[in-house]
């Protein structure tokens, strides 16, 4: 009884002290007036919106583990004879970068665990950004007024690729050294200026003594600083423009229905951060990744078998392996089309298309109002088909990046597998586009049928005249509203005679993009009244 009273009095004292401290701080630093609106910021509650948070928390984990690793890593190409605790490599000449990585793995307490957490977090970080961008693309969350945030996200993805490649190359092992040698080949393939770029980046011939220190500076200072700045800008834009949300009763372009930042969303996102940290720590403890001691130090006259880059660079490797070797000699200069086309021109064109897509869709779409409701992918059949076709293209290249491993696993000739993948690289995306588009249209028809007739119950009735009719039950009002409410733009009208080529091209592209759309044959549903729970979670 006394203990309960003591706890009550202690709780009151703590509450009084916290209130007094808050009041004192607010009088001197008006933090709460400025934070009041921020703390009540509403975020929708849907699992697909957690992909961006997953990328954010893996980045935080990368920063924490990276600080630990910088305390023990030596970014130097100076050679020494290894005399450490790993017996198979004793007496082998290696760089100080490789020796310090071995020391982190075998001599520093917890070093191998932190190193593997760092590597797993890098893989998940790039994967989360990729999945987040794909979600934004398929749901149309890049539309006005979020075009700038789409550009920021794409730039973040490219910086993440560079950051991963730089960190992957730092240990100076045989596998990462092979990747660096391949990257130098990309740079040398640039006509006229390739040799100068290689000289400035590598400080001379590969391997040289400058590339690891330069990559180290970029990996721990330049690229993380750019990533941190762009992530901050991305979050500011998310807060300023308000969050997108899925269509549903009570949800419009003028509100957001969900959980306030404090305390509901904060507790939820803190739990997600703890789960991310725990799962990556468990993966690092149980699943070995990048065992550099098995590869040995880098030597220009050696190569590792089954050399595969991390997944986010695998598509470039696959493009290199699929394109036949070809070169052209012009005015005393040799243009090596492989790797110039697959490793330099293809990534530039690919990301240029992604940068320009929001503006292309806006150009061929009638109306230019702001859009805050996410599209269901099935309701934008052409955009979804383009996304699936691009994913198919990437998967074929990723498989091609390890075609030697696949050929050995399947016991098929590498030459035959290459021919199959070359055909699949062009036929697969086209087939994926057509199939996905037809599936989206079929799903639209199915949604229309459910809205107008309801769901089948499984019971069949026989009419007086002998006909059989299936029994249907009406959909719940909320589900019917969600299925029936969709934005289905009509193609731009055909231009009249004398129209410019630009106008005719725009109308033709709009017709191709929005043709065959399934018209909604029901009256536009009216949003139902908000419940008391929804009304408390809606940000007007």
Protein backbone atom coordinates (compact mmCIF):
# COMPACT_ATOMS: atom_id res chain seq x y z
CA UNK A 1 0.00 0.00 0.00
CA UNK A 2 2.80 2.39 0.95
CA UNK A 3 4.69 1.43 -2.24
CA UNK A 4 1.61 2.24 -4.35
CA UNK A 5 1.24 5.65 -2.68
CA UNK A 6 4.94 6.37 -3.15
CA UNK A 7 4.66 5.51 -6.85
CA UNK A 8 1.64 7.79 -7.20
CA UNK A 9 3.42 10.71 -5.51
CA UNK A 10 6.58 10.09 -7.56
CA UNK A 11 4.54 10.04 -10.77
CA UNK A 12 2.86 13.33 -9.86
CA UNK A 13 6.20 14.94 -9.05
CA UNK A 14 7.66 13.75 -12.34
CA UNK A 15 4.63 15.04 -14.23
CA UNK A 16 4.83 18.41 -12.47
CA UNK A 17 8.56 18.67 -13.18
CA UNK A 18 8.08 17.82 -16.85
CA UNK A 19 5.27 20.38 -17.19
CA UNK A 20 7.28 23.11 -15.49
CA UNK A 21 10.33 22.35 -17.63
CA UNK A 22 8.23 22.48 -20.80
CA UNK A 23 6.67 25.79 -19.79
CA UNK A 24 10.06 27.27 -18.95
CA UNK A 25 11.53 26.20 -22.26
CA UNK A 26 8.51 27.42 -24.21
CA UNK A 27 8.79 30.88 -22.61
CA UNK A 28 12.41 31.20 -23.71
CA UNK A 29 12.35 29.10 -26.90
CA UNK A 30 8.86 28.96 -28.45
CA UNK A 31 9.31 25.42 -29.65
CA UNK A 32 5.86 24.06 -28.92
CA UNK A 33 3.98 26.71 -30.88
CA UNK A 34 6.01 25.86 -33.96
CA UNK A 35 5.87 22.12 -33.36
CA UNK A 36 2.16 21.97 -32.59
CA UNK A 37 1.16 21.68 -36.24
CA UNK A 38 4.05 19.32 -36.95
CA UNK A 39 3.08 16.93 -34.14
CA UNK A 40 -0.48 16.73 -35.46
CA UNK A 41 0.66 15.98 -39.01
CA UNK A 42 -1.36 13.01 -40.28
CA UNK A 43 0.15 10.01 -42.07
CA UNK A 44 -1.93 7.33 -43.84
CA UNK A 45 -1.82 3.86 -42.36
CA UNK A 46 -0.91 1.44 -45.16
CA UNK A 47 1.97 -1.00 -45.46
CA UNK A 48 3.08 0.28 -48.89
CA UNK A 49 3.99 3.65 -47.35
CA UNK A 50 6.51 1.96 -45.05
CA UNK A 51 8.97 1.30 -47.89
CA UNK A 52 10.35 4.81 -47.67
CA UNK A 53 10.72 4.50 -43.90
CA UNK A 54 12.55 1.22 -44.42
CA UNK A 55 15.08 3.00 -46.63
CA UNK A 56 15.43 5.80 -44.07
CA UNK A 57 16.16 3.48 -41.14
CA UNK A 58 18.65 1.36 -43.07
CA UNK A 59 20.44 4.61 -43.95
CA UNK A 60 20.57 5.49 -40.25
CA UNK A 61 22.01 2.05 -39.53
CA UNK A 62 24.56 2.53 -42.30
CA UNK A 63 25.71 5.78 -40.71
CA UNK A 64 26.04 4.20 -37.25
CA UNK A 65 27.94 1.11 -38.40
CA UNK A 66 30.01 3.16 -40.85
CA UNK A 67 31.29 5.39 -38.04
CA UNK A 68 32.43 2.27 -36.17
CA UNK A 69 34.23 0.85 -39.22
CA UNK A 70 36.07 4.10 -39.98
CA UNK A 71 37.83 3.83 -36.59
CA UNK A 72 39.70 0.69 -37.70
CA UNK A 73 39.92 0.87 -41.51
CA UNK A 74 43.15 2.08 -43.15
CA UNK A 75 42.52 3.56 -46.64
CA UNK A 76 46.00 2.97 -48.01
CA UNK A 77 47.37 1.04 -50.98
CA UNK A 78 50.82 0.71 -49.38
CA UNK A 79 51.85 -2.94 -49.28
CA UNK A 80 52.83 -5.09 -46.32
CA UNK A 81 53.33 -8.77 -45.53
CA UNK A 82 50.38 -10.11 -43.60
CA UNK A 83 51.18 -11.55 -40.17
CA UNK A 84 47.73 -11.46 -38.63
CA UNK A 85 45.50 -14.07 -37.05
CA UNK A 86 44.11 -15.62 -40.26
CA UNK A 87 46.59 -18.47 -41.00
CA UNK A 88 45.88 -19.11 -44.73
CA UNK A 89 47.01 -15.58 -45.67
CA UNK A 90 50.10 -15.26 -43.46
CA UNK A 91 53.15 -14.27 -45.48
CA UNK A 92 51.03 -12.91 -48.38
CA UNK A 93 51.73 -9.41 -49.66
CA UNK A 94 48.64 -7.21 -49.57
CA UNK A 95 47.57 -3.60 -49.23
CA UNK A 96 46.96 -1.98 -45.86
CA UNK A 97 43.31 -1.54 -46.85
CA UNK A 98 42.88 -5.30 -47.23
CA UNK A 99 44.90 -6.06 -44.09
CA UNK A 100 42.84 -3.63 -42.00
CA UNK A 101 39.62 -5.22 -43.26
CA UNK A 102 40.95 -8.62 -42.19
CA UNK A 103 41.81 -7.11 -38.81
CA UNK A 104 38.24 -5.76 -38.45
CA UNK A 105 36.89 -9.20 -39.30
CA UNK A 106 39.14 -11.30 -37.01
CA UNK A 107 40.80 -9.06 -34.40
CA UNK A 108 38.31 -6.30 -33.50
CA UNK A 109 35.68 -7.44 -31.00
CA UNK A 110 32.36 -7.46 -32.83
CA UNK A 111 34.04 -6.18 -35.99
CA UNK A 112 32.82 -8.94 -38.29
CA UNK A 113 29.25 -8.53 -37.02
CA UNK A 114 29.30 -4.76 -37.59
CA UNK A 115 30.89 -5.23 -41.01
CA UNK A 116 28.21 -7.67 -42.09
CA UNK A 117 25.42 -5.50 -40.66
CA UNK A 118 26.85 -2.65 -42.75
CA UNK A 119 26.89 -4.76 -45.90
CA UNK A 120 23.39 -6.19 -45.38
CA UNK A 121 22.05 -2.71 -44.62
CA UNK A 122 23.57 -1.42 -47.88
CA UNK A 123 21.78 -4.14 -49.84
CA UNK A 124 18.46 -3.47 -48.11
CA UNK A 125 18.90 0.31 -48.47
CA UNK A 126 19.16 0.18 -52.25
CA UNK A 127 16.40 -2.45 -52.47
CA UNK A 128 14.05 -0.33 -50.33
CA UNK A 129 14.67 2.76 -52.47
CA UNK A 130 14.04 0.72 -55.62
CA UNK A 131 10.79 -0.75 -54.24
CA UNK A 132 9.72 2.69 -52.98
CA UNK A 133 10.28 4.23 -56.41
CA UNK A 134 8.39 1.38 -58.06
CA UNK A 135 5.45 1.93 -55.69
CA UNK A 136 5.43 5.64 -56.46
CA UNK A 137 5.55 4.94 -60.20
CA UNK A 138 2.75 2.36 -60.23
CA UNK A 139 0.42 4.43 -58.04
CA UNK A 140 1.05 7.75 -59.79
CA UNK A 141 2.41 9.42 -56.65
CA UNK A 142 4.85 11.38 -58.84
CA UNK A 143 2.12 13.56 -60.35
CA UNK A 144 1.63 17.24 -59.69
CA UNK A 145 2.71 18.68 -57.27
CA UNK A 146 5.31 15.96 -56.51
CA UNK A 147 7.41 15.99 -59.67
CA UNK A 148 10.38 17.52 -57.83
CA UNK A 149 10.22 14.84 -55.14
CA UNK A 150 10.32 12.19 -57.87
CA UNK A 151 13.50 13.78 -59.24
CA UNK A 152 14.98 13.87 -55.73
CA UNK A 153 14.15 10.20 -55.19
CA UNK A 154 15.75 9.14 -58.47
CA UNK A 155 18.88 11.12 -57.63
CA UNK A 156 18.97 9.44 -54.21
CA UNK A 157 18.81 6.05 -55.91
CA UNK A 158 21.75 6.84 -58.17
CA UNK A 159 23.80 8.19 -55.27
CA UNK A 160 22.98 5.02 -53.33
CA UNK A 161 24.33 2.95 -56.23
CA UNK A 162 27.55 4.95 -56.28
CA UNK A 163 27.86 4.79 -52.49
CA UNK A 164 27.39 1.02 -52.53
CA UNK A 165 29.96 0.57 -55.28
CA UNK A 166 32.49 2.78 -53.46
CA UNK A 167 32.08 0.90 -50.18
CA UNK A 168 32.17 -2.46 -51.94
CA UNK A 169 35.52 -1.54 -53.52
CA UNK A 170 37.29 -0.32 -50.36
CA UNK A 171 38.56 -3.70 -48.98
CA UNK A 172 40.79 -4.11 -52.07
CA UNK A 173 40.10 -7.84 -52.27
CA UNK A 174 40.24 -9.83 -55.50
CA UNK A 175 36.49 -9.54 -56.14
CA UNK A 176 36.19 -5.80 -55.54
CA UNK A 177 39.44 -5.19 -57.44
CA UNK A 178 37.94 -6.99 -60.42
CA UNK A 179 34.97 -4.63 -60.17
CA UNK A 180 37.26 -1.62 -60.12
CA UNK A 181 39.10 -2.88 -63.15
CA UNK A 182 35.75 -3.29 -64.93
CA UNK A 183 34.73 0.24 -63.94
CA UNK A 184 37.98 1.57 -65.39
CA UNK A 185 37.07 -0.18 -68.64
CA UNK A 186 33.75 1.70 -68.65
CA UNK A 187 35.55 5.00 -68.27
CA UNK A 188 38.17 4.20 -70.91
CA UNK A 189 35.39 3.40 -73.43
CA UNK A 190 34.21 7.04 -73.46
CA UNK A 191 35.46 8.46 -76.78
CA UNK A 192 38.17 11.14 -76.76
CA UNK A 193 38.12 11.87 -73.01
CA UNK A 194 38.06 8.36 -71.55
CA UNK A 195 41.81 8.11 -70.94
CA UNK A 196 41.89 11.54 -69.29
CA UNK A 197 38.94 10.67 -67.01
CA UNK A 198 40.61 7.41 -66.00
CA UNK A 199 43.87 9.21 -65.25
CA UNK A 200 42.19 11.85 -63.09
CA UNK A 201 40.07 9.31 -61.16
CA UNK A 202 42.63 6.57 -60.67
CA UNK A 203 45.75 8.74 -60.52
CA UNK A 204 47.50 6.70 -63.21
CA UNK A 205 47.45 3.05 -64.18
CA UNK A 206 45.31 0.58 -62.25
CA UNK A 207 45.66 -0.31 -59.42
CA UNK A 208 47.88 2.64 -58.50
CA UNK A 209 47.97 4.18 -55.01
CA UNK A 210 45.25 6.85 -55.19
CA UNK A 211 41.97 5.10 -55.93
CA UNK A 212 41.29 3.60 -52.47
CA UNK A 213 41.93 6.88 -50.56
CA UNK A 214 39.77 8.75 -53.07
CA UNK A 215 36.96 6.21 -52.81
CA UNK A 216 37.25 6.34 -49.03
CA UNK A 217 36.81 10.12 -48.97
CA UNK A 218 33.82 9.88 -51.29
CA UNK A 219 32.33 7.00 -49.31
CA UNK A 220 32.48 8.57 -45.84
CA UNK A 221 32.14 12.28 -46.66
CA UNK A 222 30.95 13.34 -50.10
CA UNK A 223 28.26 10.78 -50.92
CA UNK A 224 26.82 10.47 -47.38
CA UNK A 225 26.61 14.26 -47.20
CA UNK A 226 24.73 14.41 -50.49
CA UNK A 227 22.45 11.57 -49.42
CA UNK A 228 21.72 13.21 -46.08
CA UNK A 229 20.94 16.54 -47.73
CA UNK A 230 18.63 15.01 -50.33
CA UNK A 231 16.87 12.83 -47.75
CA UNK A 232 16.24 15.96 -45.67
CA UNK A 233 14.88 17.78 -48.72
CA UNK A 234 12.73 14.77 -49.56
CA UNK A 235 11.20 14.67 -46.07
CA UNK A 236 10.59 18.44 -46.08
CA UNK A 237 8.70 18.11 -49.36
CA UNK A 238 6.67 15.19 -47.99
CA UNK A 239 5.64 17.29 -44.99
CA UNK A 240 4.96 20.39 -47.07
CA UNK A 241 2.96 18.73 -49.85
CA UNK A 242 1.16 16.31 -47.46
CA UNK A 243 1.12 12.58 -47.98
CA UNK A 244 -0.67 10.71 -50.74
CA UNK A 245 -3.32 8.20 -49.72
CA UNK A 246 -5.42 5.43 -51.19
CA UNK A 247 -8.94 6.28 -52.29
CA UNK A 248 -11.76 5.40 -49.94
CA UNK A 249 -14.77 6.82 -48.09
CA UNK A 250 -13.93 10.16 -46.53
CA UNK A 251 -10.65 10.51 -48.45
CA UNK A 252 -10.35 13.25 -51.01
CA UNK A 253 -7.71 15.42 -52.64
CA UNK A 254 -8.21 17.98 -49.86
CA UNK A 255 -7.59 15.87 -46.73
CA UNK A 256 -5.45 13.08 -45.33
CA UNK A 257 -6.95 10.31 -43.22
CA UNK A 258 -4.58 8.44 -40.96
CA UNK A 259 -2.62 8.66 -37.72
CA UNK A 260 -1.10 11.85 -36.26
CA UNK A 261 2.66 12.06 -36.06
CA UNK A 262 2.59 12.09 -32.26
CA UNK A 263 2.03 9.77 -30.55
CA UNK A 264 0.48 7.14 -32.84
CA UNK A 265 2.70 7.32 -35.92
CA UNK A 266 5.85 7.97 -33.88
CA UNK A 267 5.36 4.79 -31.87
CA UNK A 268 4.61 2.78 -35.01
CA UNK A 269 7.63 4.05 -36.92
CA UNK A 270 9.91 3.58 -33.89
CA UNK A 271 8.78 -0.04 -33.76
CA UNK A 272 9.59 -0.42 -37.45
CA UNK A 273 13.07 1.03 -36.86
CA UNK A 274 13.69 -1.45 -34.04
CA UNK A 275 12.52 -4.32 -36.26
CA UNK A 276 14.82 -3.21 -39.10
CA UNK A 277 17.81 -3.01 -36.77
CA UNK A 278 17.00 -6.39 -35.22
CA UNK A 279 16.40 -8.25 -38.48
CA UNK A 280 19.60 -6.91 -40.06
CA UNK A 281 21.60 -7.80 -36.95
CA UNK A 282 20.13 -11.31 -37.06
CA UNK A 283 20.93 -11.63 -40.77
CA UNK A 284 24.50 -10.47 -40.14
CA UNK A 285 24.91 -13.00 -37.34
CA UNK A 286 23.50 -15.98 -39.27
CA UNK A 287 24.12 -15.29 -42.98
CA UNK A 288 27.68 -14.73 -44.20
CA UNK A 289 28.13 -11.98 -46.77
CA UNK A 290 31.23 -10.84 -48.69
CA UNK A 291 33.86 -13.14 -47.07
CA UNK A 292 36.89 -11.27 -48.42
CA UNK A 293 39.35 -13.64 -46.73
CA UNK A 294 38.26 -16.35 -49.17
CA UNK A 295 38.99 -14.16 -52.20
CA UNK A 296 42.45 -12.97 -51.24
CA UNK A 297 44.06 -9.60 -52.01
CA UNK A 298 43.69 -8.00 -55.40
CA UNK A 299 46.30 -8.74 -58.04
CA UNK A 300 45.99 -7.46 -61.63
CA UNK A 301 47.13 -10.80 -63.05
CA UNK A 302 44.45 -12.82 -61.23
CA UNK A 303 40.67 -13.07 -61.33
CA UNK A 304 38.11 -14.75 -59.11
CA UNK A 305 35.74 -17.41 -60.36
CA UNK A 306 31.98 -16.80 -60.27
CA UNK A 307 32.69 -13.09 -59.83
CA UNK A 308 29.33 -11.38 -59.39
CA UNK A 309 28.66 -7.79 -58.32
CA UNK A 310 26.01 -6.88 -55.78
CA UNK A 311 22.49 -7.08 -57.17
CA UNK A 312 22.11 -3.34 -57.78
CA UNK A 313 25.03 -3.38 -60.27
CA UNK A 314 24.10 -6.73 -61.81
CA UNK A 315 22.06 -5.26 -64.67
CA UNK A 316 25.14 -3.45 -66.06
CA UNK A 317 27.15 -6.66 -65.81
CA UNK A 318 24.41 -8.51 -67.68
CA UNK A 319 24.28 -5.90 -70.42
CA UNK A 320 28.04 -6.25 -70.85
CA UNK A 321 27.83 -10.02 -71.18
CA UNK A 322 24.92 -10.02 -73.63
CA UNK A 323 26.20 -7.44 -76.07
CA UNK A 324 28.61 -8.87 -78.67
CA UNK A 325 32.05 -7.33 -78.90
CA UNK A 326 32.20 -4.65 -81.58
CA UNK A 327 34.40 -1.67 -82.26
CA UNK A 328 34.83 1.03 -84.87
CA UNK A 329 38.00 2.91 -85.76
CA UNK A 330 37.46 6.53 -86.78
CA UNK A 331 40.14 9.15 -87.46
CA UNK A 332 42.74 7.24 -85.52
CA UNK A 333 40.47 6.57 -82.55
CA UNK A 334 38.85 3.27 -81.61
CA UNK A 335 35.28 3.29 -80.30
CA UNK A 336 34.59 0.12 -78.29
CA UNK A 337 30.81 -0.25 -78.48
CA UNK A 338 30.99 -2.81 -75.72
CA UNK A 339 31.26 -1.46 -72.99
CA UNK A 340 30.31 2.03 -74.23
CA UNK A 341 26.67 1.20 -75.05
CA UNK A 342 25.74 -1.17 -72.16
CA UNK A 343 27.75 0.49 -69.39
CA UNK A 344 27.65 4.19 -70.30
CA UNK A 345 24.92 5.08 -72.78
CA UNK A 346 22.27 2.61 -71.57
CA UNK A 347 22.26 3.81 -67.91
CA UNK A 348 22.21 7.45 -69.07
CA UNK A 349 19.23 6.87 -71.36
CA UNK A 350 17.43 4.73 -68.77
CA UNK A 351 17.62 7.33 -66.00
CA UNK A 352 16.89 10.16 -68.43
CA UNK A 353 13.64 8.39 -69.35
CA UNK A 354 12.76 8.00 -65.66
CA UNK A 355 13.50 11.66 -64.99
CA UNK A 356 11.26 12.75 -67.84
CA UNK A 357 8.37 10.33 -67.36
CA UNK A 358 6.22 12.51 -65.00
CA UNK A 359 6.37 15.35 -67.49
CA UNK A 360 5.60 13.01 -70.40
CA UNK A 361 2.48 11.65 -68.68
CA UNK A 362 1.34 15.13 -67.75
CA UNK A 363 1.87 16.24 -71.38
CA UNK A 364 -0.44 13.57 -72.82
CA UNK A 365 -3.04 13.70 -70.03
CA UNK A 366 -5.94 16.17 -70.21
CA UNK A 367 -6.12 18.46 -67.21
CA UNK A 368 -3.26 19.38 -64.92
CA UNK A 369 -4.79 19.59 -61.47
CA UNK A 370 -3.12 18.37 -58.31
CA UNK A 371 -3.50 14.67 -57.49
CA UNK A 372 -3.22 13.41 -53.91
CA UNK A 373 -5.02 10.06 -54.27
CA UNK A 374 -3.03 7.03 -55.35
CA UNK A 375 -4.08 5.16 -58.47
CA UNK A 376 -4.79 1.47 -58.23
CA UNK A 377 -2.25 0.02 -60.69
CA UNK A 378 -4.96 -1.91 -62.55
CA UNK A 379 -6.75 1.34 -63.36
CA UNK A 380 -3.75 2.76 -65.23
CA UNK A 381 -3.09 -0.18 -67.47
CA UNK A 382 -0.47 1.40 -69.74
CA UNK A 383 1.62 2.82 -66.92
CA UNK A 384 1.50 -0.49 -65.03
CA UNK A 385 2.40 -2.41 -68.19
CA UNK A 386 5.38 -0.11 -68.74
CA UNK A 387 6.53 -0.72 -65.16
CA UNK A 388 6.25 -4.49 -65.51
CA UNK A 389 8.02 -4.43 -68.89
CA UNK A 390 10.89 -2.42 -67.37
CA UNK A 391 11.10 -4.86 -64.46
CA UNK A 392 11.21 -7.80 -66.89
CA UNK A 393 13.99 -6.07 -68.82
CA UNK A 394 15.96 -5.63 -65.60
CA UNK A 395 15.43 -9.25 -64.48
CA UNK A 396 16.75 -10.59 -67.78
CA UNK A 397 19.86 -8.42 -67.45
CA UNK A 398 20.32 -9.50 -63.83
CA UNK A 399 20.20 -13.18 -64.81
CA UNK A 400 22.62 -12.46 -67.66
CA UNK A 401 25.03 -10.92 -65.15
CA UNK A 402 25.54 -14.40 -63.69
CA UNK A 403 25.01 -16.47 -66.80
CA UNK A 404 28.10 -18.60 -66.12
CA UNK A 405 26.76 -19.60 -62.70
CA UNK A 406 23.27 -20.24 -64.11
CA UNK A 407 24.66 -22.31 -66.99
CA UNK A 408 26.64 -24.50 -64.62
CA UNK A 409 23.69 -24.90 -62.25
CA UNK A 410 21.35 -25.88 -65.12
CA UNK A 411 24.05 -27.86 -66.97
CA UNK A 412 23.50 -25.97 -70.24
CA UNK A 413 26.06 -24.39 -72.59
CA UNK A 414 26.83 -20.74 -71.86
CA UNK A 415 26.58 -19.87 -75.57
CA UNK A 416 23.06 -21.29 -75.79
CA UNK A 417 22.00 -19.50 -72.63
CA UNK A 418 23.38 -16.23 -74.01
CA UNK A 419 21.34 -16.61 -77.20
CA UNK A 420 18.22 -17.35 -75.17
CA UNK A 421 18.77 -14.30 -72.96
CA UNK A 422 19.43 -12.04 -75.94
CA UNK A 423 16.11 -13.02 -77.46
CA UNK A 424 14.39 -12.71 -74.08
CA UNK A 425 15.81 -9.21 -73.58
CA UNK A 426 13.72 -7.95 -76.51
CA UNK A 427 10.78 -10.38 -76.56
CA UNK A 428 10.25 -10.61 -72.79
CA UNK A 429 9.43 -6.93 -72.09
CA UNK A 430 7.07 -6.76 -75.08
CA UNK A 431 5.24 -9.90 -73.94
CA UNK A 432 5.16 -8.62 -70.34
CA UNK A 433 3.71 -5.30 -71.51
CA UNK A 434 0.92 -6.93 -73.55
CA UNK A 435 0.02 -9.52 -70.89
CA UNK A 436 0.03 -6.97 -68.05
CA UNK A 437 -2.13 -4.57 -70.01
CA UNK A 438 -4.69 -7.24 -70.81
CA UNK A 439 -4.71 -8.39 -67.18
CA UNK A 440 -5.32 -4.83 -65.96
CA UNK A 441 -8.24 -4.42 -68.37
CA UNK A 442 -9.64 -7.78 -67.24
CA UNK A 443 -9.38 -6.70 -63.60
CA UNK A 444 -11.16 -3.46 -64.46
CA UNK A 445 -13.98 -5.49 -66.01
CA UNK A 446 -14.10 -7.64 -62.90
CA UNK A 447 -14.32 -4.58 -60.64
CA UNK A 448 -17.13 -3.15 -62.78
CA UNK A 449 -18.99 -6.45 -62.55
CA UNK A 450 -18.62 -6.53 -58.77
CA UNK A 451 -19.83 -2.94 -58.43
CA UNK A 452 -22.91 -3.44 -60.62
CA UNK A 453 -23.87 -7.02 -59.66
CA UNK A 454 -22.11 -7.76 -56.40
CA UNK A 455 -20.22 -10.89 -55.37
CA UNK A 456 -21.43 -14.38 -56.21
CA UNK A 457 -22.79 -16.34 -53.26
CA UNK A 458 -22.50 -19.77 -54.88
CA UNK A 459 -26.27 -20.36 -54.91
CA UNK A 460 -28.13 -20.89 -58.21
CA UNK A 461 -31.90 -20.41 -58.62
CA UNK A 462 -34.09 -21.84 -61.37
CA UNK A 463 -36.66 -19.47 -62.79
CA UNK A 464 -40.18 -20.47 -63.81
CA UNK A 465 -39.21 -20.61 -67.47
CA UNK A 466 -36.36 -22.99 -66.64
CA UNK A 467 -33.46 -20.52 -66.75
CA UNK A 468 -30.78 -20.62 -64.05
CA UNK A 469 -29.58 -17.49 -62.29
CA UNK A 470 -26.69 -17.07 -59.88
CA UNK A 471 -27.32 -15.32 -56.62
CA UNK A 472 -25.30 -12.18 -55.83
CA UNK A 473 -24.92 -10.18 -52.66
CA UNK A 474 -24.23 -6.42 -52.74
CA UNK A 475 -20.77 -5.20 -51.83
CA UNK A 476 -20.24 -3.25 -48.60
CA UNK A 477 -20.66 0.48 -49.18
CA UNK A 478 -17.01 1.29 -48.46
CA UNK A 479 -15.67 -1.36 -50.84
CA UNK A 480 -18.14 -0.39 -53.56
CA UNK A 481 -17.06 3.22 -53.24
CA UNK A 482 -13.38 2.29 -53.47
CA UNK A 483 -13.85 0.11 -56.55
CA UNK A 484 -16.07 2.55 -58.39
CA UNK A 485 -14.07 5.69 -57.67
CA UNK A 486 -11.25 6.02 -60.14
CA UNK A 487 -9.81 8.70 -62.35
CA UNK A 488 -10.12 7.57 -65.98
CA UNK A 489 -8.93 10.39 -68.27
CA UNK A 490 -10.14 10.37 -71.82
CA UNK A 491 -7.57 10.68 -74.61
CA UNK A 492 -6.91 14.11 -75.99
CA UNK A 493 -9.20 15.02 -78.91
CA UNK A 494 -7.81 14.57 -82.37
CA UNK A 495 -6.33 17.83 -83.69
CA UNK A 496 -7.96 19.49 -86.65
CA UNK A 497 -6.51 20.07 -90.07
CA UNK A 498 -3.42 22.18 -90.15
CA UNK A 499 -2.32 21.16 -86.66
CA UNK A 500 1.38 21.01 -85.97
CA UNK A 501 3.30 17.77 -85.86
CA UNK A 502 3.78 18.24 -82.12
CA UNK A 503 0.01 18.43 -81.57
CA UNK A 504 -0.61 15.36 -83.72
CA UNK A 505 2.10 13.42 -81.89
CA UNK A 506 0.66 14.42 -78.52
CA UNK A 507 -2.84 13.31 -79.51
CA UNK A 508 -1.55 10.01 -80.93
CA UNK A 509 0.42 9.22 -77.78
CA UNK A 510 -2.56 10.14 -75.59
CA UNK A 511 -4.83 7.86 -77.62
CA UNK A 512 -2.35 4.97 -77.34
CA UNK A 513 -1.90 5.54 -73.61
CA UNK A 514 -5.56 5.74 -72.60
CA UNK A 515 -7.30 3.61 -75.22
CA UNK A 516 -9.36 0.53 -74.32
CA UNK A 517 -10.05 1.91 -70.85
CA UNK A 518 -13.06 0.26 -69.20
CA UNK A 519 -15.73 2.87 -68.63
CA UNK A 520 -17.44 2.91 -65.25
CA UNK A 521 -21.10 2.22 -65.92
CA UNK A 522 -22.37 3.31 -62.51
CA UNK A 523 -23.06 6.73 -61.10
CA UNK A 524 -20.14 8.29 -59.33
CA UNK A 525 -20.43 7.17 -55.72
CA UNK A 526 -20.79 9.72 -53.02
CA UNK A 527 -18.39 9.48 -50.10
CA UNK A 528 -20.08 8.15 -47.02
CA UNK A 529 -20.03 9.99 -43.73
CA UNK A 530 -16.90 9.75 -41.63
CA UNK A 531 -17.15 7.69 -38.51
CA UNK A 532 -16.10 9.20 -35.20
CA UNK A 533 -12.77 7.34 -35.43
CA UNK A 534 -12.11 8.54 -38.98
CA UNK A 535 -13.11 12.11 -38.17
CA UNK A 536 -10.48 12.23 -35.44
CA UNK A 537 -7.80 11.04 -37.85
CA UNK A 538 -8.57 13.33 -40.79
CA UNK A 539 -6.37 16.31 -41.50
CA UNK A 540 -8.41 18.98 -43.26
